[in-house]
Amino acid sequence: MVQAYILIQTEVGKARDVAAAIEKISGVVRVDAVTGPYDVVVLTEAHTVDELGGLIVSKVQYVPGITRTLTCSVVNL
């Protein structure tokens, strides 16, 4: 399995709605609302990097209220 954290910026007042919508997406492991420059942090996982990319581009980024995402792949050191 490959995993990635997605750091999400939302429109003002939309963090709760975005988090609730993302929780329903298959491949999402955890969703947390946070403080700081990002509003929501999501842990995702998939069988391959391509599947993970599809999850992010085809599902997560289409959630209404998201203004920007930053994806950080998990590496095993």
C-alpha atoms as a PDB file:
ATOM      1  CA  MET A   1       0.000   0.000   0.000  1.00  0.00           C
ATOM      2  CA  VAL A   2       1.068   3.572  -0.669  1.00  0.00           C
ATOM      3  CA  GLN A   3      -0.064   6.435   1.530  1.00  0.00           C
ATOM      4  CA  ALA A   4      -0.115  10.204   1.270  1.00  0.00           C
ATOM      5  CA  TYR A   5      -1.210  13.138   3.362  1.00  0.00           C
ATOM      6  CA  ILE A   6      -3.243  15.786   1.579  1.00  0.00           C
ATOM      7  CA  LEU A   7      -3.062  19.272   3.076  1.00  0.00           C
ATOM      8  CA  ILE A   8      -6.165  21.212   2.086  1.00  0.00           C
ATOM      9  CA  GLN A   9      -7.041  24.883   2.087  1.00  0.00           C
ATOM     10  CA  THR A  10     -10.750  25.658   1.950  1.00  0.00           C
ATOM     11  CA  GLU A  11     -12.975  28.626   1.357  1.00  0.00           C
ATOM     12  CA  VAL A  12     -13.696  30.556   4.544  1.00  0.00           C
ATOM     13  CA  GLY A  13     -16.195  28.668   6.701  1.00  0.00           C
ATOM     14  CA  LYS A  14     -16.119  25.502   4.555  1.00  0.00           C
ATOM     15  CA  ALA A  15     -13.651  23.305   6.493  1.00  0.00           C
ATOM     16  CA  ARG A  16     -16.389  21.302   8.239  1.00  0.00           C
ATOM     17  CA  ASP A  17     -18.290  20.644   5.000  1.00  0.00           C
ATOM     18  CA  VAL A  18     -15.114  19.669   3.145  1.00  0.00           C
ATOM     19  CA  ALA A  19     -14.016  17.300   5.926  1.00  0.00           C
ATOM     20  CA  ALA A  20     -17.453  15.651   6.039  1.00  0.00           C
ATOM     21  CA  ALA A  21     -17.502  15.122   2.275  1.00  0.00           C
ATOM     22  CA  ILE A  22     -13.966  13.719   2.151  1.00  0.00           C
ATOM     23  CA  GLU A  23     -14.672  11.216   4.947  1.00  0.00           C
ATOM     24  CA  LYS A  24     -17.069   9.436   2.572  1.00  0.00           C
ATOM     25  CA  ILE A  25     -14.460   8.849  -0.163  1.00  0.00           C
ATOM     26  CA  SER A  26     -13.084   5.321  -0.513  1.00  0.00           C
ATOM     27  CA  GLY A  27      -9.346   5.269   0.193  1.00  0.00           C
ATOM     28  CA  VAL A  28      -9.507   7.969   2.852  1.00  0.00           C
ATOM     29  CA  VAL A  29      -8.095   6.666   6.131  1.00  0.00           C
ATOM     30  CA  ARG A  30      -8.398   9.738   8.351  1.00  0.00           C
ATOM     31  CA  VAL A  31      -9.628  13.333   8.122  1.00  0.00           C
ATOM     32  CA  ASP A  32      -8.710  16.056  10.612  1.00  0.00           C
ATOM     33  CA  ALA A  33      -9.615  19.733  10.759  1.00  0.00           C
ATOM     34  CA  VAL A  34      -6.509  21.672  11.808  1.00  0.00           C
ATOM     35  CA  THR A  35      -5.330  25.202  12.505  1.00  0.00           C
ATOM     36  CA  GLY A  36      -2.615  27.042  10.615  1.00  0.00           C
ATOM     37  CA  PRO A  37      -2.148  27.609   6.888  1.00  0.00           C
ATOM     38  CA  TYR A  38      -4.204  24.510   6.044  1.00  0.00           C
ATOM     39  CA  ASP A  39      -7.741  23.763   7.156  1.00  0.00           C
ATOM     40  CA  VAL A  40      -8.056  20.002   6.673  1.00  0.00           C
ATOM     41  CA  VAL A  41      -5.453  17.216   6.638  1.00  0.00           C
ATOM     42  CA  VAL A  42      -6.338  13.877   5.048  1.00  0.00           C
ATOM     43  CA  LEU A  43      -4.492  10.550   5.184  1.00  0.00           C
ATOM     44  CA  THR A  44      -5.159   8.448   2.080  1.00  0.00           C
ATOM     45  CA  GLU A  45      -4.004   5.030   0.920  1.00  0.00           C
ATOM     46  CA  ALA A  46      -4.167   2.978  -2.255  1.00  0.00           C
ATOM     47  CA  HIS A  47      -2.579  -0.110  -3.791  1.00  0.00           C
ATOM     48  CA  THR A  48      -0.458   1.834  -6.312  1.00  0.00           C
ATOM     49  CA  VAL A  49       0.818   5.361  -6.849  1.00  0.00           C
ATOM     50  CA  ASP A  50      -1.372   5.643  -9.954  1.00  0.00           C
ATOM     51  CA  GLU A  51      -4.464   4.618  -7.974  1.00  0.00           C
ATOM     52  CA  LEU A  52      -3.563   7.148  -5.285  1.00  0.00           C
ATOM     53  CA  GLY A  53      -3.144   9.877  -7.905  1.00  0.00           C
ATOM     54  CA  GLY A  54      -6.536   9.019  -9.354  1.00  0.00           C
ATOM     55  CA  LEU A  55      -8.122   9.236  -5.923  1.00  0.00           C
ATOM     56  CA  ILE A  56      -6.672  12.683  -5.361  1.00  0.00           C
ATOM     57  CA  VAL A  57      -7.304  14.163  -8.803  1.00  0.00           C
ATOM     58  CA  SER A  58     -10.655  12.519  -9.578  1.00  0.00           C
ATOM     59  CA  LYS A  59     -12.307  12.563  -6.167  1.00  0.00           C
ATOM     60  CA  VAL A  60     -10.707  14.731  -3.475  1.00  0.00           C
ATOM     61  CA  GLN A  61     -10.012  17.782  -5.639  1.00  0.00           C
ATOM     62  CA  TYR A  62     -13.621  17.815  -6.871  1.00  0.00           C
ATOM     63  CA  VAL A  63     -15.062  18.348  -3.378  1.00  0.00           C
ATOM     64  CA  PRO A  64     -16.808  21.753  -3.291  1.00  0.00           C
ATOM     65  CA  GLY A  65     -15.140  24.342  -1.061  1.00  0.00           C
ATOM     66  CA  ILE A  66     -11.523  23.297  -1.667  1.00  0.00           C
ATOM     67  CA  THR A  67      -9.277  26.079  -2.937  1.00  0.00           C
ATOM     68  CA  ARG A  68      -5.861  24.349  -2.888  1.00  0.00           C
ATOM     69  CA  THR A  69      -4.282  20.994  -2.074  1.00  0.00           C
ATOM     70  CA  LEU A  70      -0.733  19.869  -1.353  1.00  0.00           C
ATOM     71  CA  THR A  71       0.001  16.132  -1.456  1.00  0.00           C
ATOM     72  CA  CYS A  72       2.816  14.664   0.648  1.00  0.00           C
ATOM     73  CA  SER A  73       3.717  11.041  -0.061  1.00  0.00           C
ATOM     74  CA  VAL A  74       4.590   8.834   2.900  1.00  0.00           C
ATOM     75  CA  VAL A  75       8.041   7.231   2.675  1.00  0.00           C
ATOM     76  CA  ASN A  76       9.316   4.373   4.784  1.00  0.00           C
ATOM     77  CA  LEU A  77      12.815   5.238   6.029  1.00  0.00           C
END
